[in-house]
Amino acid sequence: MQSYLVRSEAPVVICAGLLLAMALACGLVSPPLFGICLVAAVAAGIGFLALRFPSAFCVTWLLTTGMTLEMAFHDLFGPEAYQPVIAAVKGIEIGLALLCMIRFGPKADPLCPAWAFPVILATGLVHGLYPGLSAADSLRSMIGSVVPFAFCLCRVPTRWAEAIIRTTKWCPLVAVLASLPLAAADIRPLFVDSGGARLAGLGHPAFLAGVCLPAIYACLTQLFRRGQRGDLFLLLINFLVLTLTGARAPFAYAVAVTGISLVSIRSDVFPARQRLLLVLSALALLPALLLLAGSLDEIRLFNVFLHETGNLSGRDLLWPSFEDAAARSLWFGWGSGAGNAIVPSDGRVARALHTWAAHNEYLRIEVEGGVFGEALLIALMAGWAIVHTRRLPASDRRIMRLAFVALGFHAITDNVLISTPACVFFAFVTAVFARGDPLTAPE
């Protein structure tokens, strides 16, 4: 392994040195080329450091992604900054995944759900793309759909996996703490009003809730493996953050996965009496919350509970257009990216809801891949989860299978495969799968 690493890093070191020397030489001979060579030398240097310390760079990327900065940039610099930030986050993930492949080696994973998206792209090109959707747009959308699974094709070592799992636990708290200076300076509010006060952090409440889910699952896996109080404390903190986001569906799925895990999974380091005490404490807290709900109705989750607020997300305005488009090409859909073309981004619905996404992954995949593409993606996702969890320790296996079931239900009302929180979730999934993978790279 050491000789392999030396061979892989030496060209980068030599290249960085040569580029730096060229930059200095150009500064004397041809000043206009100095900037270009200097940027190339810096990029090569960063590439060398990332190749030498991939875990540290991946952890930094994960924390940054968990902040969902695209929303903060949207608010601070305008709508034109939204997509470039997402592209930068996903582009960095591609680069880091390639570096991990160079450092640790690639891994063939025929069940990886990412393989469904090139098939959907191909069938769309053969069948015909949605009117107004270009082949370039379709290809770009396909790449964006594949990126969250990028690390799944790397033979990551146990050290990398443990670092990613530890970091995932902290992502929501870091996102909230990082937003405090902006809130204190009155640059961007910590809470937004949407059917009640919702904690947004640096992103959107729904995005922050999407990051809370893998953080809670990470805390659970660590609790059942190690039984440390710090993991229990972080679990409670992440639940508090999730509650304050006001996201109803993620909260329900987090409660379900956590509750089922606490009452049904055995652990020598997290004994049953402690878990029972935790469950009973939560149940005892419910009457107090019901009594206080009237004074807490400014918080969105309590407001919804008290006043039975209906569809706050406007899905009743979005879904009919997608259902109609899916029905017009039932079997093979309209190709990758069609989900972004159904509702006009400058139309009345998009302006009213500030979104044109389906908020239903099944509908989006039906539009893009038809019945064939949707069946392929579901089959790959189910097979991927079953096969890769089969080799895990019992507690990890059961928690992750519950998490995938929750993901399947969550996909009915949210975008869970292509957003930046999806990058956090599937990086975490890759890390947990590495615990039981015989192809895990040596340290």
Protein backbone atom coordinates (compact mmCIF):
# COMPACT_ATOMS: atom_id res chain seq x y z
CA MET A 1 0.00 0.00 0.00
CA GLN A 2 2.79 2.42 0.88
CA SER A 3 4.52 2.01 -2.47
CA TYR A 4 1.16 2.51 -4.22
CA LEU A 5 0.64 5.77 -2.36
CA VAL A 6 4.13 6.99 -3.15
CA ARG A 7 3.58 6.28 -6.83
CA SER A 8 0.21 8.08 -6.80
CA GLU A 9 1.42 11.16 -4.89
CA ALA A 10 4.83 11.69 -6.47
CA PRO A 11 3.50 12.99 -9.82
CA VAL A 12 1.32 15.51 -8.00
CA VAL A 13 4.25 16.81 -5.95
CA ILE A 14 6.47 17.08 -9.03
CA CYS A 15 3.69 18.74 -11.03
CA ALA A 16 2.98 21.27 -8.26
CA GLY A 17 6.67 22.11 -8.00
CA LEU A 18 7.03 22.55 -11.75
CA LEU A 19 3.93 24.74 -11.96
CA LEU A 20 5.14 26.92 -9.09
CA ALA A 21 8.52 27.29 -10.78
CA MET A 22 6.76 28.14 -14.05
CA ALA A 23 4.63 30.74 -12.27
CA LEU A 24 7.72 32.41 -10.85
CA ALA A 25 9.49 32.26 -14.20
CA CYS A 26 6.47 33.70 -16.01
CA GLY A 27 6.42 36.54 -13.52
CA LEU A 28 9.82 37.55 -14.88
CA VAL A 29 9.41 36.64 -18.56
CA SER A 30 5.68 37.02 -19.31
CA PRO A 31 3.71 38.67 -16.48
CA PRO A 32 0.23 38.00 -18.03
CA LEU A 33 0.79 34.24 -17.62
CA PHE A 34 1.81 34.55 -13.97
CA GLY A 35 -1.74 34.44 -12.60
CA ILE A 36 -2.72 31.37 -14.65
CA CYS A 37 0.33 29.38 -13.60
CA LEU A 38 -0.03 30.46 -9.98
CA VAL A 39 -3.66 29.30 -9.86
CA ALA A 40 -2.64 26.00 -11.46
CA ALA A 41 0.14 25.56 -8.88
CA VAL A 42 -2.25 26.28 -6.00
CA ALA A 43 -4.82 23.84 -7.43
CA ALA A 44 -2.15 21.16 -7.75
CA GLY A 45 -1.06 21.82 -4.18
CA ILE A 46 -4.62 21.49 -2.90
CA GLY A 47 -4.99 18.30 -4.94
CA PHE A 48 -1.86 16.89 -3.32
CA LEU A 49 -3.11 17.75 0.18
CA ALA A 50 -6.53 16.20 -0.57
CA LEU A 51 -4.83 13.06 -1.87
CA ARG A 52 -2.62 12.95 1.22
CA PHE A 53 -5.41 13.69 3.73
CA PRO A 54 -8.67 12.58 2.04
CA SER A 55 -10.58 12.03 5.30
CA ALA A 56 -9.98 15.60 6.50
CA PHE A 57 -11.08 17.08 3.17
CA CYS A 58 -14.18 14.85 3.04
CA VAL A 59 -15.10 15.82 6.61
CA THR A 60 -14.76 19.51 5.72
CA TRP A 61 -16.89 19.01 2.63
CA LEU A 62 -19.53 17.14 4.66
CA LEU A 63 -19.81 19.92 7.26
CA THR A 64 -20.07 22.54 4.52
CA THR A 65 -22.69 20.53 2.63
CA GLY A 66 -24.69 20.05 5.83
CA MET A 67 -25.02 23.82 6.15
CA THR A 68 -26.99 23.90 2.83
CA LEU A 69 -25.30 27.17 1.92
CA GLU A 70 -27.21 27.50 -1.35
CA MET A 71 -30.13 29.05 0.53
CA ALA A 72 -27.91 31.56 2.36
CA PHE A 73 -26.24 32.57 -0.92
CA HIS A 74 -29.68 32.83 -2.53
CA ASP A 75 -30.82 35.25 0.17
CA LEU A 76 -27.59 37.25 0.30
CA PHE A 77 -26.64 37.47 -3.38
CA GLY A 78 -29.85 36.73 -5.27
CA PRO A 79 -31.46 33.74 -7.04
CA GLU A 80 -28.63 33.53 -9.58
CA ALA A 81 -26.29 32.27 -6.82
CA TYR A 82 -28.47 29.29 -5.91
CA GLN A 83 -27.60 26.79 -8.65
CA PRO A 84 -23.86 27.64 -8.80
CA VAL A 85 -23.48 26.85 -5.09
CA ILE A 86 -25.20 23.47 -5.54
CA ALA A 87 -22.99 22.79 -8.57
CA ALA A 88 -19.89 23.68 -6.53
CA VAL A 89 -20.90 21.36 -3.66
CA LYS A 90 -21.58 18.46 -6.01
CA GLY A 91 -18.51 19.20 -8.14
CA ILE A 92 -16.29 19.05 -5.05
CA GLU A 93 -17.89 15.73 -4.11
CA ILE A 94 -17.04 14.34 -7.55
CA GLY A 95 -13.44 15.53 -7.15
CA LEU A 96 -13.11 14.05 -3.67
CA ALA A 97 -14.63 10.75 -4.81
CA LEU A 98 -12.11 10.56 -7.66
CA LEU A 99 -9.27 11.27 -5.23
CA CYS A 100 -10.58 8.54 -2.92
CA MET A 101 -10.62 6.14 -5.87
CA ILE A 102 -6.99 7.04 -6.64
CA ARG A 103 -5.98 6.76 -2.99
CA PHE A 104 -7.97 3.68 -1.92
CA GLY A 105 -9.11 2.16 -5.20
CA PRO A 106 -12.49 1.98 -7.01
CA LYS A 107 -15.24 -0.46 -6.14
CA ALA A 108 -17.75 -2.09 -8.45
CA ASP A 109 -21.23 -1.86 -6.92
CA PRO A 110 -23.77 -3.23 -9.43
CA LEU A 111 -26.68 -2.60 -7.05
CA CYS A 112 -25.88 1.08 -6.47
CA PRO A 113 -29.05 3.11 -7.26
CA ALA A 114 -26.90 5.59 -9.21
CA TRP A 115 -26.92 3.18 -12.18
CA ALA A 116 -30.64 3.83 -12.72
CA PHE A 117 -30.07 7.43 -13.78
CA PRO A 118 -27.88 6.79 -16.87
CA VAL A 119 -30.51 4.27 -17.96
CA ILE A 120 -33.22 6.91 -17.54
CA LEU A 121 -31.09 9.35 -19.54
CA ALA A 122 -30.66 6.81 -22.35
CA THR A 123 -34.33 5.84 -22.53
CA GLY A 124 -35.29 9.51 -22.56
CA LEU A 125 -32.96 10.26 -25.46
CA VAL A 126 -34.32 7.28 -27.40
CA HIS A 127 -37.96 7.94 -26.59
CA GLY A 128 -37.77 11.73 -26.87
CA LEU A 129 -37.14 14.41 -24.27
CA TYR A 130 -39.77 16.64 -22.69
CA PRO A 131 -40.59 19.64 -24.91
CA GLY A 132 -38.08 22.41 -24.25
CA LEU A 133 -35.60 20.11 -22.51
CA SER A 134 -32.25 19.88 -24.30
CA ALA A 135 -29.89 16.90 -24.32
CA ALA A 136 -27.31 19.00 -22.44
CA ASP A 137 -29.85 19.83 -19.73
CA SER A 138 -30.78 16.17 -19.45
CA LEU A 139 -27.14 15.11 -19.15
CA ARG A 140 -26.49 17.76 -16.52
CA SER A 141 -29.49 16.60 -14.49
CA MET A 142 -28.35 12.99 -14.73
CA ILE A 143 -24.93 13.90 -13.35
CA GLY A 144 -26.55 15.83 -10.50
CA SER A 145 -28.68 12.79 -9.65
CA VAL A 146 -25.68 10.44 -9.62
CA VAL A 147 -23.36 12.65 -7.53
CA PRO A 148 -24.88 11.92 -4.08
CA PHE A 149 -23.83 8.28 -4.58
CA ALA A 150 -20.26 9.10 -5.67
CA PHE A 151 -18.50 7.77 -2.56
CA CYS A 152 -20.36 4.46 -2.91
CA LEU A 153 -18.00 3.56 -5.76
CA CYS A 154 -14.84 3.98 -3.63
CA ARG A 155 -13.10 1.36 -1.46
CA VAL A 156 -13.09 3.66 1.56
CA PRO A 157 -11.13 2.55 4.66
CA THR A 158 -12.59 2.14 8.13
CA ARG A 159 -10.83 5.30 9.31
CA TRP A 160 -12.60 7.36 6.62
CA ALA A 161 -15.94 5.72 7.43
CA GLU A 162 -15.69 6.40 11.16
CA ALA A 163 -14.73 10.04 10.50
CA ILE A 164 -17.78 10.53 8.25
CA ILE A 165 -20.15 8.94 10.78
CA ARG A 166 -18.77 11.09 13.61
CA THR A 167 -19.09 14.22 11.50
CA THR A 168 -22.65 13.43 10.40
CA LYS A 169 -23.76 13.56 14.04
CA TRP A 170 -22.56 17.15 14.34
CA CYS A 171 -23.83 18.57 11.04
CA PRO A 172 -27.14 20.09 12.29
CA LEU A 173 -25.55 21.70 15.35
CA VAL A 174 -22.69 23.13 13.28
CA ALA A 175 -25.20 24.53 10.76
CA VAL A 176 -27.14 26.27 13.54
CA LEU A 177 -24.05 27.61 15.33
CA ALA A 178 -22.59 28.91 12.05
CA SER A 179 -25.77 30.88 11.42
CA LEU A 180 -25.67 32.71 14.76
CA PRO A 181 -23.18 35.44 13.69
CA LEU A 182 -25.35 36.30 10.67
CA ALA A 183 -28.45 36.40 12.86
CA ALA A 184 -26.69 38.55 15.49
CA ALA A 185 -25.58 40.99 12.78
CA ASP A 186 -29.16 41.06 11.42
CA ILE A 187 -27.91 39.86 8.02
CA ARG A 188 -30.02 36.70 7.86
CA PRO A 189 -32.67 35.55 10.37
CA LEU A 190 -32.22 32.37 12.37
CA PHE A 191 -35.98 31.63 12.18
CA VAL A 192 -38.36 32.14 9.28
CA ASP A 193 -42.15 32.46 9.38
CA SER A 194 -43.90 29.68 7.46
CA GLY A 195 -47.06 28.60 9.23
CA GLY A 196 -45.19 29.47 12.44
CA ALA A 197 -41.59 30.07 13.40
CA ARG A 198 -39.17 27.59 11.81
CA LEU A 199 -35.46 27.20 12.51
CA ALA A 200 -33.58 27.70 9.23
CA GLY A 201 -29.91 27.85 10.20
CA LEU A 202 -27.89 28.80 7.13
CA GLY A 203 -30.31 27.08 4.79
CA HIS A 204 -34.01 26.27 4.57
CA PRO A 205 -35.93 24.59 7.44
CA ALA A 206 -36.77 21.59 5.26
CA PHE A 207 -33.10 21.22 4.25
CA LEU A 208 -31.94 21.47 7.86
CA ALA A 209 -34.51 18.80 8.76
CA GLY A 210 -33.14 16.62 5.96
CA VAL A 211 -29.67 16.88 7.51
CA CYS A 212 -31.07 16.09 10.97
CA LEU A 213 -32.29 12.66 9.84
CA PRO A 214 -28.87 11.13 9.01
CA ALA A 215 -27.47 12.87 12.11
CA ILE A 216 -30.06 11.11 14.28
CA TYR A 217 -29.38 7.77 12.57
CA ALA A 218 -25.64 8.28 13.11
CA CYS A 219 -26.22 8.94 16.82
CA LEU A 220 -28.32 5.79 17.07
CA THR A 221 -25.73 3.57 15.39
CA GLN A 222 -23.01 4.89 17.69
CA LEU A 223 -25.19 4.57 20.79
CA PHE A 224 -25.91 0.92 20.15
CA ARG A 225 -22.25 0.19 19.36
CA ARG A 226 -20.58 2.22 22.11
CA GLY A 227 -23.22 3.45 24.56
CA GLN A 228 -21.53 6.80 25.18
CA ARG A 229 -23.42 9.65 26.84
CA GLY A 230 -22.09 12.12 24.30
CA ASP A 231 -23.97 10.31 21.53
CA LEU A 232 -27.16 10.38 23.60
CA PHE A 233 -26.70 14.11 24.21
CA LEU A 234 -26.21 14.76 20.49
CA LEU A 235 -29.26 12.62 19.70
CA LEU A 236 -31.38 14.86 21.94
CA ILE A 237 -29.85 18.04 20.47
CA ASN A 238 -30.56 16.86 16.93
CA PHE A 239 -34.15 16.08 17.89
CA LEU A 240 -34.47 19.59 19.33
CA VAL A 241 -33.15 21.11 16.11
CA LEU A 242 -35.48 18.91 14.05
CA THR A 243 -38.46 19.95 16.19
CA LEU A 244 -37.66 23.63 15.74
CA THR A 245 -37.48 23.25 11.95
CA GLY A 246 -41.19 22.45 12.01
CA ALA A 247 -40.75 19.73 9.38
CA ARG A 248 -43.60 17.33 10.10
CA ALA A 249 -42.73 14.31 7.98
CA PRO A 250 -39.00 14.15 8.91
CA PHE A 251 -39.96 14.51 12.59
CA ALA A 252 -42.44 11.63 12.33
CA TYR A 253 -39.91 9.37 10.60
CA ALA A 254 -37.15 10.22 13.07
CA VAL A 255 -39.47 9.42 15.99
CA ALA A 256 -40.53 6.14 14.36
CA VAL A 257 -36.99 4.95 13.61
CA THR A 258 -35.70 5.99 17.03
CA GLY A 259 -38.66 4.55 18.93
CA ILE A 260 -38.59 1.18 17.12
CA SER A 261 -34.81 0.98 17.57
CA LEU A 262 -34.98 1.72 21.31
CA VAL A 263 -37.62 -0.92 22.04
CA SER A 264 -36.53 -3.69 19.66
CA ILE A 265 -32.74 -3.70 19.22
CA ARG A 266 -30.44 -5.32 21.75
CA SER A 267 -27.15 -3.84 22.86
CA ASP A 268 -24.66 -4.84 25.54
CA VAL A 269 -23.35 -1.27 25.92
CA PHE A 270 -26.75 0.45 25.77
CA PRO A 271 -28.79 -1.69 28.17
CA ALA A 272 -32.55 -2.10 27.96
CA ARG A 273 -33.23 -0.30 31.25
CA GLN A 274 -31.58 2.87 29.91
CA ARG A 275 -33.50 2.67 26.68
CA LEU A 276 -36.76 2.01 28.53
CA LEU A 277 -36.10 5.02 30.77
CA LEU A 278 -35.53 7.16 27.68
CA VAL A 279 -38.78 6.00 26.05
CA LEU A 280 -40.79 6.48 29.26
CA SER A 281 -39.30 9.96 29.74
CA ALA A 282 -40.38 10.93 26.23
CA LEU A 283 -43.88 9.58 26.83
CA ALA A 284 -44.10 11.39 30.17
CA LEU A 285 -43.13 14.60 28.42
CA LEU A 286 -46.07 14.44 26.01
CA PRO A 287 -48.77 15.57 28.48
CA ALA A 288 -46.62 18.54 29.51
CA LEU A 289 -46.14 19.50 25.88
CA LEU A 290 -49.88 19.25 25.24
CA LEU A 291 -50.55 21.57 28.16
CA LEU A 292 -47.93 24.05 26.96
CA ALA A 293 -48.91 23.81 23.31
CA GLY A 294 -51.16 26.85 23.55
CA SER A 295 -48.25 29.06 24.61
CA LEU A 296 -45.93 27.48 22.04
CA ASP A 297 -48.17 27.90 19.00
CA GLU A 298 -45.72 30.37 17.47
CA ILE A 299 -43.48 27.37 16.80
CA ARG A 300 -44.59 25.80 13.56
CA LEU A 301 -44.86 22.18 14.74
CA PHE A 302 -47.19 23.17 17.61
CA ASN A 303 -49.12 25.57 15.38
CA VAL A 304 -49.85 22.76 12.93
CA PHE A 305 -50.89 20.44 15.76
CA LEU A 306 -53.22 22.97 17.36
CA HIS A 307 -54.88 24.47 14.34
CA GLU A 308 -54.79 21.44 11.99
CA THR A 309 -53.21 23.49 9.26
CA GLY A 310 -53.66 21.78 5.91
CA ASN A 311 -51.25 21.57 3.03
CA LEU A 312 -48.67 24.21 3.89
CA SER A 313 -46.28 23.19 1.13
CA GLY A 314 -48.56 23.71 -1.84
CA ARG A 315 -48.16 20.19 -3.14
CA ASP A 316 -51.79 20.22 -4.25
CA LEU A 317 -50.72 22.89 -6.79
CA LEU A 318 -47.58 21.05 -7.91
CA TRP A 319 -48.58 17.42 -8.19
CA PRO A 320 -51.36 17.62 -10.83
CA SER A 321 -48.92 18.94 -13.45
CA PHE A 322 -46.48 16.12 -12.77
CA GLU A 323 -49.22 13.49 -12.76
CA ASP A 324 -50.45 14.73 -16.14
CA ALA A 325 -46.92 14.70 -17.64
CA ALA A 326 -46.26 11.18 -16.29
CA ALA A 327 -49.55 9.90 -17.76
CA ARG A 328 -48.58 11.22 -21.22
CA SER A 329 -45.45 9.04 -21.29
CA LEU A 330 -46.31 6.22 -18.94
CA TRP A 331 -43.65 3.57 -19.61
CA PHE A 332 -40.37 5.41 -20.26
CA GLY A 333 -40.96 8.99 -19.20
CA TRP A 334 -39.40 12.12 -20.64
CA GLY A 335 -35.72 11.73 -19.72
CA SER A 336 -33.47 13.02 -16.93
CA GLY A 337 -34.19 16.61 -16.01
CA ALA A 338 -37.82 16.56 -17.12
CA GLY A 339 -38.85 17.05 -13.50
CA ASN A 340 -37.35 20.54 -13.64
CA ALA A 341 -39.30 21.49 -16.77
CA ILE A 342 -42.86 20.55 -15.80
CA VAL A 343 -43.65 23.67 -13.76
CA PRO A 344 -42.29 26.87 -15.39
CA SER A 345 -39.73 28.48 -13.09
CA ASP A 346 -41.21 31.91 -13.85
CA GLY A 347 -44.84 30.82 -13.70
CA ARG A 348 -47.54 31.67 -11.18
CA VAL A 349 -47.18 28.47 -9.14
CA ALA A 350 -43.38 28.73 -8.90
CA ARG A 351 -43.59 32.39 -7.88
CA ALA A 352 -46.19 31.61 -5.22
CA LEU A 353 -44.44 28.56 -3.76
CA HIS A 354 -40.82 29.57 -4.50
CA THR A 355 -40.24 26.11 -5.98
CA TRP A 356 -41.00 24.13 -9.10
CA ALA A 357 -39.77 20.75 -7.82
CA ALA A 358 -42.24 17.89 -7.45
CA HIS A 359 -41.66 17.34 -3.70
CA ASN A 360 -42.36 13.70 -4.46
CA GLU A 361 -39.51 11.55 -5.74
CA TYR A 362 -41.88 8.89 -7.08
CA LEU A 363 -43.65 11.48 -9.22
CA ARG A 364 -40.35 12.97 -10.38
CA ILE A 365 -38.97 9.57 -11.41
CA GLU A 366 -42.28 8.67 -13.10
CA VAL A 367 -41.98 11.84 -15.18
CA GLU A 368 -38.32 11.24 -16.02
CA GLY A 369 -38.14 7.43 -16.33
CA GLY A 370 -41.71 6.21 -16.50
CA VAL A 371 -42.80 2.94 -14.93
CA PHE A 372 -39.62 1.25 -16.19
CA GLY A 373 -37.23 3.80 -14.67
CA GLU A 374 -39.13 3.98 -11.40
CA ALA A 375 -39.23 0.18 -11.02
CA LEU A 376 -35.51 -0.04 -11.79
CA LEU A 377 -34.60 2.61 -9.23
CA ILE A 378 -36.79 1.09 -6.50
CA ALA A 379 -35.42 -2.41 -7.18
CA LEU A 380 -31.81 -1.18 -7.05
CA MET A 381 -32.43 0.82 -3.86
CA ALA A 382 -34.08 -2.13 -2.12
CA GLY A 383 -31.41 -4.60 -3.24
CA TRP A 384 -28.64 -2.18 -2.31
CA ALA A 385 -30.00 -1.71 1.20
CA ILE A 386 -30.65 -5.42 1.82
CA VAL A 387 -27.34 -6.74 0.46
CA HIS A 388 -25.07 -4.14 2.04
CA THR A 389 -26.73 -4.25 5.46
CA ARG A 390 -26.61 -8.05 5.56
CA ARG A 391 -22.95 -8.06 6.65
CA LEU A 392 -23.32 -5.31 9.26
CA PRO A 393 -23.51 -5.82 13.03
CA ALA A 394 -27.09 -6.49 14.14
CA SER A 395 -27.75 -3.01 15.53
CA ASP A 396 -26.35 -1.24 12.44
CA ARG A 397 -28.27 -3.58 10.15
CA ARG A 398 -31.64 -2.95 11.79
CA ILE A 399 -31.20 0.81 12.17
CA MET A 400 -30.12 1.24 8.55
CA ARG A 401 -32.99 -0.87 7.24
CA LEU A 402 -35.41 1.21 9.26
CA ALA A 403 -33.73 4.33 7.86
CA PHE A 404 -34.25 3.11 4.29
CA VAL A 405 -37.90 2.31 4.98
CA ALA A 406 -38.30 5.83 6.38
CA LEU A 407 -36.56 7.20 3.27
CA GLY A 408 -39.06 5.36 1.09
CA PHE A 409 -41.98 6.99 2.88
CA HIS A 410 -40.26 10.37 3.07
CA ALA A 411 -39.84 10.32 -0.72
CA ILE A 412 -43.62 10.64 -1.06
CA THR A 413 -43.55 14.26 0.13
CA ASP A 414 -40.00 15.55 -0.38
CA ASN A 415 -36.97 15.57 -2.68
CA VAL A 416 -34.71 13.06 -0.93
CA LEU A 417 -32.40 11.92 -3.75
CA ILE A 418 -31.05 15.04 -5.44
CA SER A 419 -30.83 17.77 -2.78
CA THR A 420 -27.69 18.63 -0.80
CA PRO A 421 -29.08 16.84 2.31
CA ALA A 422 -29.15 13.73 0.09
CA CYS A 423 -25.37 14.11 -0.34
CA VAL A 424 -25.03 14.04 3.45
CA PHE A 425 -27.34 11.04 3.80
CA PHE A 426 -25.66 8.87 1.19
CA ALA A 427 -22.14 9.76 2.37
CA PHE A 428 -23.26 8.55 5.80
CA VAL A 429 -24.78 5.41 4.24
CA THR A 430 -21.50 4.70 2.42
CA ALA A 431 -19.61 5.02 5.70
CA VAL A 432 -21.90 2.61 7.55
CA PHE A 433 -21.84 0.11 4.68
CA ALA A 434 -18.03 0.16 4.81
CA ARG A 435 -18.18 -1.36 8.29
CA GLY A 436 -19.40 -4.64 6.86
CA ASP A 437 -17.85 -4.52 3.38
CA PRO A 438 -15.13 -7.13 2.73
CA LEU A 439 -13.75 -4.79 0.05
CA THR A 440 -13.11 -2.01 2.58
CA ALA A 441 -9.66 -0.60 1.84
CA PRO A 442 -6.80 -1.27 4.28
CA GLU A 443 -5.79 1.56 6.60
